[in-house]
Amino acid sequence: MQRFSAVIVMVLVGVVALGSIGCVDEAKYNAVLLRNREQEKLLQEKEAEIARLNERVSARAEDALRMLQEKDDHLATVMRERDTIKAHFDELMAAYKQLAGGPWAAPGALPKEVAMGIQALAAEYPGLFEFDEATGRLRFAADITFDSGSNVVKANARTAITKLGGILAAPVAKDVTSEIVGHTDSVPVGKAATKALLQGLGKSQNNQGLSEARAEAVAEILVAAGVPATRISTRGVGSSQPMADNNTPDGQAKNRRVEIYLRG
């Protein structure tokens, strides 16, 4: 009996011991399981956050692409409008030039002797003027022909224009007409002496008045050389017909000019 009781006690002790061991393992397991569940929840939250960020990035990328496309479409529209406006402007300028006269207006052919005489004169005075036989245009560099702000023709230019008058006064040129056009750059007339000069001539005290005065000064030399005044006309256009950029000194020099258009 005592031995049986001892066995029972030993079994009970073992059971208790095993139960105790089982309780410890389950607690650890539960703790690990809890941490795993917390990590899983955090992972799900991060995945959801990543998904939201991807959606935002995709939406912004689509917006950016749409804006780029809109920009390209707008740019293409503006360029088409620019080309249309430019073409219309060119048409208007062509019509204006046709009405205003100039190298664009096809002149009657000059007599051969007249053209050859002017070509020889241009070679005699290099740099003073250019002669374009096809259009009948002589283009004088104003800075070589006149002093700044003056309508008085310089001596060298006066001699050349007098010789031109002799060519145009010859019988062979009896049907040749001359239109003298004065041009200026866009720099406003500022010299007091120039303004006084223009006022004395009854001209506007600006580039328009100066261009008129210079054209008339050239005409007076031709008339003095024997060309009938009835075959000469003059006009000034101021800075309205630039042939170069008025924002540069070189361009301004090119725009200061006097042109003579001869028509047979």
C-alpha atoms as a PDB file:
ATOM      1  CA  MET A   1       0.000   0.000   0.000  1.00  0.00           C
ATOM      2  CA  GLN A   2       2.734   2.370   0.877  1.00  0.00           C
ATOM      3  CA  ARG A   3       4.512   1.504  -2.360  1.00  0.00           C
ATOM      4  CA  PHE A   4       1.290   2.212  -4.335  1.00  0.00           C
ATOM      5  CA  SER A   5       0.822   5.506  -2.619  1.00  0.00           C
ATOM      6  CA  ALA A   6       4.356   6.462  -3.463  1.00  0.00           C
ATOM      7  CA  VAL A   7       3.749   5.593  -7.095  1.00  0.00           C
ATOM      8  CA  ILE A   8       0.631   7.716  -7.154  1.00  0.00           C
ATOM      9  CA  VAL A   9       2.498  10.573  -5.608  1.00  0.00           C
ATOM     10  CA  MET A  10       5.254  10.229  -8.174  1.00  0.00           C
ATOM     11  CA  VAL A  11       2.697  10.171 -11.020  1.00  0.00           C
ATOM     12  CA  LEU A  12       0.972  13.222  -9.656  1.00  0.00           C
ATOM     13  CA  VAL A  13       4.269  15.031  -9.329  1.00  0.00           C
ATOM     14  CA  GLY A  14       5.104  14.152 -12.937  1.00  0.00           C
ATOM     15  CA  VAL A  15       1.741  15.338 -14.147  1.00  0.00           C
ATOM     16  CA  VAL A  16       2.155  18.575 -12.310  1.00  0.00           C
ATOM     17  CA  ALA A  17       5.641  18.976 -13.695  1.00  0.00           C
ATOM     18  CA  LEU A  18       4.481  18.247 -17.211  1.00  0.00           C
ATOM     19  CA  GLY A  19       1.593  20.638 -16.797  1.00  0.00           C
ATOM     20  CA  SER A  20       3.975  23.276 -15.614  1.00  0.00           C
ATOM     21  CA  ILE A  21       6.213  22.756 -18.633  1.00  0.00           C
ATOM     22  CA  GLY A  22       3.182  22.906 -20.944  1.00  0.00           C
ATOM     23  CA  CYS A  23       2.062  26.229 -19.504  1.00  0.00           C
ATOM     24  CA  VAL A  24       5.451  27.865 -20.120  1.00  0.00           C
ATOM     25  CA  ASP A  25       5.603  26.810 -23.822  1.00  0.00           C
ATOM     26  CA  GLU A  26       2.064  28.005 -24.515  1.00  0.00           C
ATOM     27  CA  ALA A  27       2.789  31.462 -23.093  1.00  0.00           C
ATOM     28  CA  LYS A  28       5.822  31.858 -25.308  1.00  0.00           C
ATOM     29  CA  TYR A  29       3.837  30.618 -28.271  1.00  0.00           C
ATOM     30  CA  ASN A  30       1.052  33.071 -27.575  1.00  0.00           C
ATOM     31  CA  ALA A  31       3.515  35.936 -27.237  1.00  0.00           C
ATOM     32  CA  VAL A  32       5.136  35.078 -30.553  1.00  0.00           C
ATOM     33  CA  LEU A  33       1.726  34.681 -32.150  1.00  0.00           C
ATOM     34  CA  LEU A  34       0.686  38.101 -30.861  1.00  0.00           C
ATOM     35  CA  ARG A  35       3.818  39.719 -32.232  1.00  0.00           C
ATOM     36  CA  ASN A  36       3.293  38.001 -35.561  1.00  0.00           C
ATOM     37  CA  ARG A  37      -0.243  39.326 -35.742  1.00  0.00           C
ATOM     38  CA  GLU A  38       0.973  42.854 -34.907  1.00  0.00           C
ATOM     39  CA  GLN A  39       3.655  42.633 -37.609  1.00  0.00           C
ATOM     40  CA  GLU A  40       1.126  41.302 -40.080  1.00  0.00           C
ATOM     41  CA  LYS A  41      -1.164  44.238 -39.307  1.00  0.00           C
ATOM     42  CA  LEU A  42       1.707  46.702 -39.780  1.00  0.00           C
ATOM     43  CA  LEU A  43       2.627  45.013 -43.034  1.00  0.00           C
ATOM     44  CA  GLN A  44      -0.940  45.332 -44.297  1.00  0.00           C
ATOM     45  CA  GLU A  45      -0.982  48.997 -43.330  1.00  0.00           C
ATOM     46  CA  LYS A  46       2.312  49.619 -45.175  1.00  0.00           C
ATOM     47  CA  GLU A  47       1.044  47.787 -48.242  1.00  0.00           C
ATOM     48  CA  ALA A  48      -2.114  49.904 -48.167  1.00  0.00           C
ATOM     49  CA  GLU A  49      -0.002  53.072 -47.847  1.00  0.00           C
ATOM     50  CA  ILE A  50       2.182  51.972 -50.768  1.00  0.00           C
ATOM     51  CA  ALA A  51      -0.925  51.325 -52.843  1.00  0.00           C
ATOM     52  CA  ARG A  52      -2.231  54.823 -52.069  1.00  0.00           C
ATOM     53  CA  LEU A  53       1.131  56.373 -52.978  1.00  0.00           C
ATOM     54  CA  ASN A  54       1.185  54.439 -56.258  1.00  0.00           C
ATOM     55  CA  GLU A  55      -2.289  55.732 -57.049  1.00  0.00           C
ATOM     56  CA  ARG A  56      -1.199  59.313 -56.325  1.00  0.00           C
ATOM     57  CA  VAL A  57       1.948  58.945 -58.434  1.00  0.00           C
ATOM     58  CA  SER A  58      -0.061  57.444 -61.289  1.00  0.00           C
ATOM     59  CA  ALA A  59      -2.608  60.249 -61.086  1.00  0.00           C
ATOM     60  CA  ARG A  60       0.116  62.905 -61.102  1.00  0.00           C
ATOM     61  CA  ALA A  61       1.900  61.207 -63.977  1.00  0.00           C
ATOM     62  CA  GLU A  62      -1.333  61.209 -65.956  1.00  0.00           C
ATOM     63  CA  ASP A  63      -1.838  64.902 -65.116  1.00  0.00           C
ATOM     64  CA  ALA A  64       1.705  65.686 -66.222  1.00  0.00           C
ATOM     65  CA  LEU A  65       1.263  63.799 -69.496  1.00  0.00           C
ATOM     66  CA  ARG A  66      -2.040  65.544 -70.096  1.00  0.00           C
ATOM     67  CA  MET A  67      -0.470  68.950 -69.416  1.00  0.00           C
ATOM     68  CA  LEU A  68       2.422  68.174 -71.770  1.00  0.00           C
ATOM     69  CA  GLN A  69      -0.015  67.140 -74.471  1.00  0.00           C
ATOM     70  CA  GLU A  70      -2.072  70.290 -73.932  1.00  0.00           C
ATOM     71  CA  LYS A  71       1.113  72.360 -74.144  1.00  0.00           C
ATOM     72  CA  ASP A  72       2.143  70.673 -77.387  1.00  0.00           C
ATOM     73  CA  ASP A  73      -1.335  71.157 -78.840  1.00  0.00           C
ATOM     74  CA  HIS A  74      -1.383  74.825 -77.820  1.00  0.00           C
ATOM     75  CA  LEU A  75       2.101  75.391 -79.219  1.00  0.00           C
ATOM     76  CA  ALA A  76       1.119  73.801 -82.514  1.00  0.00           C
ATOM     77  CA  THR A  77      -1.979  76.012 -82.670  1.00  0.00           C
ATOM     78  CA  VAL A  78       0.025  79.162 -81.937  1.00  0.00           C
ATOM     79  CA  MET A  79       2.591  78.269 -84.606  1.00  0.00           C
ATOM     80  CA  ARG A  80      -0.154  77.704 -87.172  1.00  0.00           C
ATOM     81  CA  GLU A  81      -1.708  81.047 -86.260  1.00  0.00           C
ATOM     82  CA  ARG A  82       1.709  82.705 -86.506  1.00  0.00           C
ATOM     83  CA  ASP A  83       2.293  81.232 -89.972  1.00  0.00           C
ATOM     84  CA  THR A  84      -1.156  82.393 -91.086  1.00  0.00           C
ATOM     85  CA  ILE A  85      -0.565  85.913 -89.746  1.00  0.00           C
ATOM     86  CA  LYS A  86       2.892  86.069 -91.347  1.00  0.00           C
ATOM     87  CA  ALA A  87       1.518  84.950 -94.708  1.00  0.00           C
ATOM     88  CA  HIS A  88      -1.219  87.578 -94.470  1.00  0.00           C
ATOM     89  CA  PHE A  89       1.335  90.210 -93.431  1.00  0.00           C
ATOM     90  CA  ASP A  90       3.553  89.319 -96.400  1.00  0.00           C
ATOM     91  CA  GLU A  91       0.573  89.673 -98.727  1.00  0.00           C
ATOM     92  CA  LEU A  92      -0.266  93.091 -97.277  1.00  0.00           C
ATOM     93  CA  MET A  93       3.346  94.238 -97.517  1.00  0.00           C
ATOM     94  CA  ALA A  94       3.540  93.114-101.132  1.00  0.00           C
ATOM     95  CA  ALA A  95       0.353  95.034-101.898  1.00  0.00           C
ATOM     96  CA  TYR A  96       1.646  98.089-100.037  1.00  0.00           C
ATOM     97  CA  LYS A  97       4.966  98.039-101.830  1.00  0.00           C
ATOM     98  CA  GLN A  98       3.218  97.674-105.166  1.00  0.00           C
ATOM     99  CA  LEU A  99       1.201 100.789-104.380  1.00  0.00           C
ATOM    100  CA  ALA A 100       4.111 102.722-102.879  1.00  0.00           C
ATOM    101  CA  GLY A 101       6.471 102.050-105.736  1.00  0.00           C
ATOM    102  CA  GLY A 102      10.092 100.946-105.480  1.00  0.00           C
ATOM    103  CA  PRO A 103      12.294  98.121-106.686  1.00  0.00           C
ATOM    104  CA  TRP A 104       9.305  95.745-106.531  1.00  0.00           C
ATOM    105  CA  ALA A 105       7.544  97.748-109.259  1.00  0.00           C
ATOM    106  CA  ALA A 106       8.846  96.440-112.564  1.00  0.00           C
ATOM    107  CA  PRO A 107      10.314  99.451-114.401  1.00  0.00           C
ATOM    108  CA  GLY A 108      10.552  99.937-118.105  1.00  0.00           C
ATOM    109  CA  ALA A 109      13.943  98.848-119.391  1.00  0.00           C
ATOM    110  CA  LEU A 110      16.515 101.615-119.354  1.00  0.00           C
ATOM    111  CA  PRO A 111      18.201 102.484-122.632  1.00  0.00           C
ATOM    112  CA  LYS A 112      21.412 100.512-122.948  1.00  0.00           C
ATOM    113  CA  GLU A 113      23.556 103.654-123.129  1.00  0.00           C
ATOM    114  CA  VAL A 114      22.013 104.974-119.899  1.00  0.00           C
ATOM    115  CA  ALA A 115      22.561 101.706-118.025  1.00  0.00           C
ATOM    116  CA  MET A 116      26.161 101.459-119.222  1.00  0.00           C
ATOM    117  CA  GLY A 117      26.840 105.087-118.279  1.00  0.00           C
ATOM    118  CA  ILE A 118      25.523 104.531-114.735  1.00  0.00           C
ATOM    119  CA  GLN A 119      27.534 101.314-114.353  1.00  0.00           C
ATOM    120  CA  ALA A 120      30.687 103.189-115.316  1.00  0.00           C
ATOM    121  CA  LEU A 121      29.805 105.950-112.831  1.00  0.00           C
ATOM    122  CA  ALA A 122      29.354 103.388-110.025  1.00  0.00           C
ATOM    123  CA  ALA A 123      32.782 101.948-110.823  1.00  0.00           C
ATOM    124  CA  GLU A 124      34.260 105.468-110.724  1.00  0.00           C
ATOM    125  CA  TYR A 125      32.791 106.087-107.251  1.00  0.00           C
ATOM    126  CA  PRO A 126      33.024 102.735-105.422  1.00  0.00           C
ATOM    127  CA  GLY A 127      31.179 102.676-102.110  1.00  0.00           C
ATOM    128  CA  LEU A 128      29.132 105.786-102.859  1.00  0.00           C
ATOM    129  CA  PHE A 129      26.174 104.036-104.454  1.00  0.00           C
ATOM    130  CA  GLU A 130      25.024 100.689-105.791  1.00  0.00           C
ATOM    131  CA  PHE A 131      23.241 100.291-109.113  1.00  0.00           C
ATOM    132  CA  ASP A 132      20.772  97.499-109.756  1.00  0.00           C
ATOM    133  CA  GLU A 133      20.029  97.555-113.472  1.00  0.00           C
ATOM    134  CA  ALA A 134      17.235  94.976-113.180  1.00  0.00           C
ATOM    135  CA  THR A 135      15.170  97.298-110.990  1.00  0.00           C
ATOM    136  CA  GLY A 136      16.640 100.608-112.123  1.00  0.00           C
ATOM    137  CA  ARG A 137      17.606 101.463-108.552  1.00  0.00           C
ATOM    138  CA  LEU A 138      20.569 103.503-107.371  1.00  0.00           C
ATOM    139  CA  ARG A 139      21.108 103.249-103.621  1.00  0.00           C
ATOM    140  CA  PHE A 140      23.279 105.961-102.045  1.00  0.00           C
ATOM    141  CA  ALA A 141      24.774 105.474 -98.597  1.00  0.00           C
ATOM    142  CA  ALA A 142      23.463 108.481 -96.660  1.00  0.00           C
ATOM    143  CA  ASP A 143      26.469 108.655 -94.336  1.00  0.00           C
ATOM    144  CA  ILE A 144      28.719 109.111 -97.368  1.00  0.00           C
ATOM    145  CA  THR A 145      26.317 111.464 -99.142  1.00  0.00           C
ATOM    146  CA  PHE A 146      25.403 113.733 -96.205  1.00  0.00           C
ATOM    147  CA  ASP A 147      26.859 114.879 -92.926  1.00  0.00           C
ATOM    148  CA  SER A 148      24.943 113.754 -89.840  1.00  0.00           C
ATOM    149  CA  GLY A 149      21.664 115.632 -89.494  1.00  0.00           C
ATOM    150  CA  SER A 150      22.279 117.654 -92.675  1.00  0.00           C
ATOM    151  CA  ASN A 151      20.634 117.864 -96.075  1.00  0.00           C
ATOM    152  CA  VAL A 152      23.738 119.344 -97.699  1.00  0.00           C
ATOM    153  CA  VAL A 153      25.227 116.855-100.167  1.00  0.00           C
ATOM    154  CA  LYS A 154      28.942 116.262 -99.606  1.00  0.00           C
ATOM    155  CA  ALA A 155      31.331 117.419-102.328  1.00  0.00           C
ATOM    156  CA  ASN A 156      32.311 113.976-103.625  1.00  0.00           C
ATOM    157  CA  ALA A 157      28.698 112.824-103.742  1.00  0.00           C
ATOM    158  CA  ARG A 158      27.616 116.102-105.363  1.00  0.00           C
ATOM    159  CA  THR A 159      30.138 115.554-108.171  1.00  0.00           C
ATOM    160  CA  ALA A 160      28.875 112.008-108.766  1.00  0.00           C
ATOM    161  CA  ILE A 161      25.200 113.065-108.735  1.00  0.00           C
ATOM    162  CA  THR A 162      26.003 115.905-111.146  1.00  0.00           C
ATOM    163  CA  LYS A 163      27.545 113.360-113.524  1.00  0.00           C
ATOM    164  CA  LEU A 164      24.458 111.193-113.098  1.00  0.00           C
ATOM    165  CA  GLY A 165      22.377 114.230-114.062  1.00  0.00           C
ATOM    166  CA  GLY A 166      24.456 114.570-117.231  1.00  0.00           C
ATOM    167  CA  ILE A 167      23.658 110.974-118.154  1.00  0.00           C
ATOM    168  CA  LEU A 168      19.940 111.467-117.479  1.00  0.00           C
ATOM    169  CA  ALA A 169      19.850 114.794-119.337  1.00  0.00           C
ATOM    170  CA  ALA A 170      21.222 113.254-122.553  1.00  0.00           C
ATOM    171  CA  PRO A 171      18.789 112.871-125.476  1.00  0.00           C
ATOM    172  CA  VAL A 172      18.951 109.068-125.223  1.00  0.00           C
ATOM    173  CA  ALA A 173      17.431 109.345-121.705  1.00  0.00           C
ATOM    174  CA  LYS A 174      14.643 111.747-122.651  1.00  0.00           C
ATOM    175  CA  ASP A 175      11.966 109.234-121.580  1.00  0.00           C
ATOM    176  CA  VAL A 176      13.643 108.184-118.334  1.00  0.00           C
ATOM    177  CA  THR A 177      11.906 109.360-115.151  1.00  0.00           C
ATOM    178  CA  SER A 178      13.473 109.506-111.706  1.00  0.00           C
ATOM    179  CA  GLU A 179      11.859 108.990-108.318  1.00  0.00           C
ATOM    180  CA  ILE A 180      14.077 109.958-105.384  1.00  0.00           C
ATOM    181  CA  VAL A 181      13.210 108.437-102.010  1.00  0.00           C
ATOM    182  CA  GLY A 182      14.813 109.453 -98.721  1.00  0.00           C
ATOM    183  CA  HIS A 183      15.126 107.005 -95.811  1.00  0.00           C
ATOM    184  CA  THR A 184      16.377 107.320 -92.224  1.00  0.00           C
ATOM    185  CA  ASP A 185      17.040 105.045 -89.284  1.00  0.00           C
ATOM    186  CA  SER A 186      14.680 104.988 -86.296  1.00  0.00           C
ATOM    187  CA  VAL A 187      16.822 107.199 -84.038  1.00  0.00           C
ATOM    188  CA  PRO A 188      14.801 110.368 -83.334  1.00  0.00           C
ATOM    189  CA  VAL A 189      16.134 113.689 -84.585  1.00  0.00           C
ATOM    190  CA  GLY A 190      17.728 115.312 -81.556  1.00  0.00           C
ATOM    191  CA  LYS A 191      20.221 117.918 -82.757  1.00  0.00           C
ATOM    192  CA  ALA A 192      19.035 121.484 -82.347  1.00  0.00           C
ATOM    193  CA  ALA A 193      20.765 122.453 -85.615  1.00  0.00           C
ATOM    194  CA  THR A 194      18.906 119.743 -87.534  1.00  0.00           C
ATOM    195  CA  LYS A 195      15.575 120.793 -86.071  1.00  0.00           C
ATOM    196  CA  ALA A 196      16.294 124.415 -86.954  1.00  0.00           C
ATOM    197  CA  LEU A 197      17.223 123.373 -90.511  1.00  0.00           C
ATOM    198  CA  LEU A 198      14.003 121.420 -90.965  1.00  0.00           C
ATOM    199  CA  GLN A 199      11.931 124.208 -89.480  1.00  0.00           C
ATOM    200  CA  GLY A 200      13.490 126.644 -91.919  1.00  0.00           C
ATOM    201  CA  LEU A 201      12.576 124.344 -94.816  1.00  0.00           C
ATOM    202  CA  GLY A 202       9.007 124.037 -93.564  1.00  0.00           C
ATOM    203  CA  LYS A 203       9.508 120.359 -92.759  1.00  0.00           C
ATOM    204  CA  SER A 204       8.505 118.321 -89.769  1.00  0.00           C
ATOM    205  CA  GLN A 205      11.308 118.323 -87.222  1.00  0.00           C
ATOM    206  CA  ASN A 206      11.720 114.553 -87.279  1.00  0.00           C
ATOM    207  CA  ASN A 207      13.025 111.709 -89.443  1.00  0.00           C
ATOM    208  CA  GLN A 208      10.190 112.116 -91.913  1.00  0.00           C
ATOM    209  CA  GLY A 209      11.125 115.746 -92.521  1.00  0.00           C
ATOM    210  CA  LEU A 210      14.841 114.924 -92.791  1.00  0.00           C
ATOM    211  CA  SER A 211      14.201 112.172 -95.348  1.00  0.00           C
ATOM    212  CA  GLU A 212      12.136 114.573 -97.473  1.00  0.00           C
ATOM    213  CA  ALA A 213      14.805 117.284 -97.295  1.00  0.00           C
ATOM    214  CA  ARG A 214      17.567 114.931 -98.426  1.00  0.00           C
ATOM    215  CA  ALA A 215      15.553 113.577-101.356  1.00  0.00           C
ATOM    216  CA  GLU A 216      14.840 117.130-102.499  1.00  0.00           C
ATOM    217  CA  ALA A 217      18.525 118.086-102.163  1.00  0.00           C
ATOM    218  CA  VAL A 218      19.489 115.289-104.567  1.00  0.00           C
ATOM    219  CA  ALA A 219      16.736 116.362-106.975  1.00  0.00           C
ATOM    220  CA  GLU A 220      18.061 119.927-107.022  1.00  0.00           C
ATOM    221  CA  ILE A 221      21.484 118.698-108.169  1.00  0.00           C
ATOM    222  CA  LEU A 222      19.936 116.652-110.987  1.00  0.00           C
ATOM    223  CA  VAL A 223      17.881 119.647-112.123  1.00  0.00           C
ATOM    224  CA  ALA A 224      20.966 121.856-112.007  1.00  0.00           C
ATOM    225  CA  ALA A 225      22.716 119.290-114.235  1.00  0.00           C
ATOM    226  CA  GLY A 226      20.020 119.636-116.892  1.00  0.00           C
ATOM    227  CA  VAL A 227      17.405 116.996-116.019  1.00  0.00           C
ATOM    228  CA  PRO A 228      13.895 118.485-116.491  1.00  0.00           C
ATOM    229  CA  ALA A 229      12.118 118.854-113.147  1.00  0.00           C
ATOM    230  CA  THR A 230       9.014 117.348-114.740  1.00  0.00           C
ATOM    231  CA  ARG A 231      10.814 114.010-114.963  1.00  0.00           C
ATOM    232  CA  ILE A 232      11.754 113.972-111.277  1.00  0.00           C
ATOM    233  CA  SER A 233       9.634 113.240-108.231  1.00  0.00           C
ATOM    234  CA  THR A 234      10.682 113.085-104.589  1.00  0.00           C
ATOM    235  CA  ARG A 235       9.326 111.693-101.371  1.00  0.00           C
ATOM    236  CA  GLY A 236      10.541 110.833 -97.900  1.00  0.00           C
ATOM    237  CA  VAL A 237       9.504 107.778 -95.934  1.00  0.00           C
ATOM    238  CA  GLY A 238      11.461 108.426 -92.729  1.00  0.00           C
ATOM    239  CA  SER A 239      12.190 105.162 -90.901  1.00  0.00           C
ATOM    240  CA  SER A 240       9.114 103.304 -92.187  1.00  0.00           C
ATOM    241  CA  GLN A 241      10.990 101.091 -94.688  1.00  0.00           C
ATOM    242  CA  PRO A 242      14.117  99.735 -92.961  1.00  0.00           C
ATOM    243  CA  MET A 243      16.311  97.326 -94.890  1.00  0.00           C
ATOM    244  CA  ALA A 244      18.269  96.231 -91.783  1.00  0.00           C
ATOM    245  CA  ASP A 245      17.900  95.945 -88.004  1.00  0.00           C
ATOM    246  CA  ASN A 246      17.566  99.395 -86.439  1.00  0.00           C
ATOM    247  CA  ASN A 247      18.802  97.996 -83.113  1.00  0.00           C
ATOM    248  CA  THR A 248      22.416  97.798 -84.317  1.00  0.00           C
ATOM    249  CA  PRO A 249      24.765 100.576 -85.494  1.00  0.00           C
ATOM    250  CA  ASP A 250      25.456  98.714 -88.740  1.00  0.00           C
ATOM    251  CA  GLY A 251      21.747  98.295 -89.398  1.00  0.00           C
ATOM    252  CA  GLN A 252      21.077 101.943 -88.684  1.00  0.00           C
ATOM    253  CA  ALA A 253      23.812 102.979 -91.142  1.00  0.00           C
ATOM    254  CA  LYS A 254      22.236 100.820 -93.866  1.00  0.00           C
ATOM    255  CA  ASN A 255      18.819 102.323 -93.207  1.00  0.00           C
ATOM    256  CA  ARG A 256      20.117 105.884 -93.623  1.00  0.00           C
ATOM    257  CA  ARG A 257      20.041 106.030 -97.413  1.00  0.00           C
ATOM    258  CA  VAL A 258      18.729 107.803-100.493  1.00  0.00           C
ATOM    259  CA  GLU A 259      17.446 105.732-103.393  1.00  0.00           C
ATOM    260  CA  ILE A 260      16.793 106.809-106.966  1.00  0.00           C
ATOM    261  CA  TYR A 261      14.460 104.679-109.073  1.00  0.00           C
ATOM    262  CA  LEU A 262      14.856 105.104-112.819  1.00  0.00           C
ATOM    263  CA  ARG A 263      12.155 103.990-115.239  1.00  0.00           C
ATOM    264  CA  GLY A 264      12.531 104.041-118.980  1.00  0.00           C
END
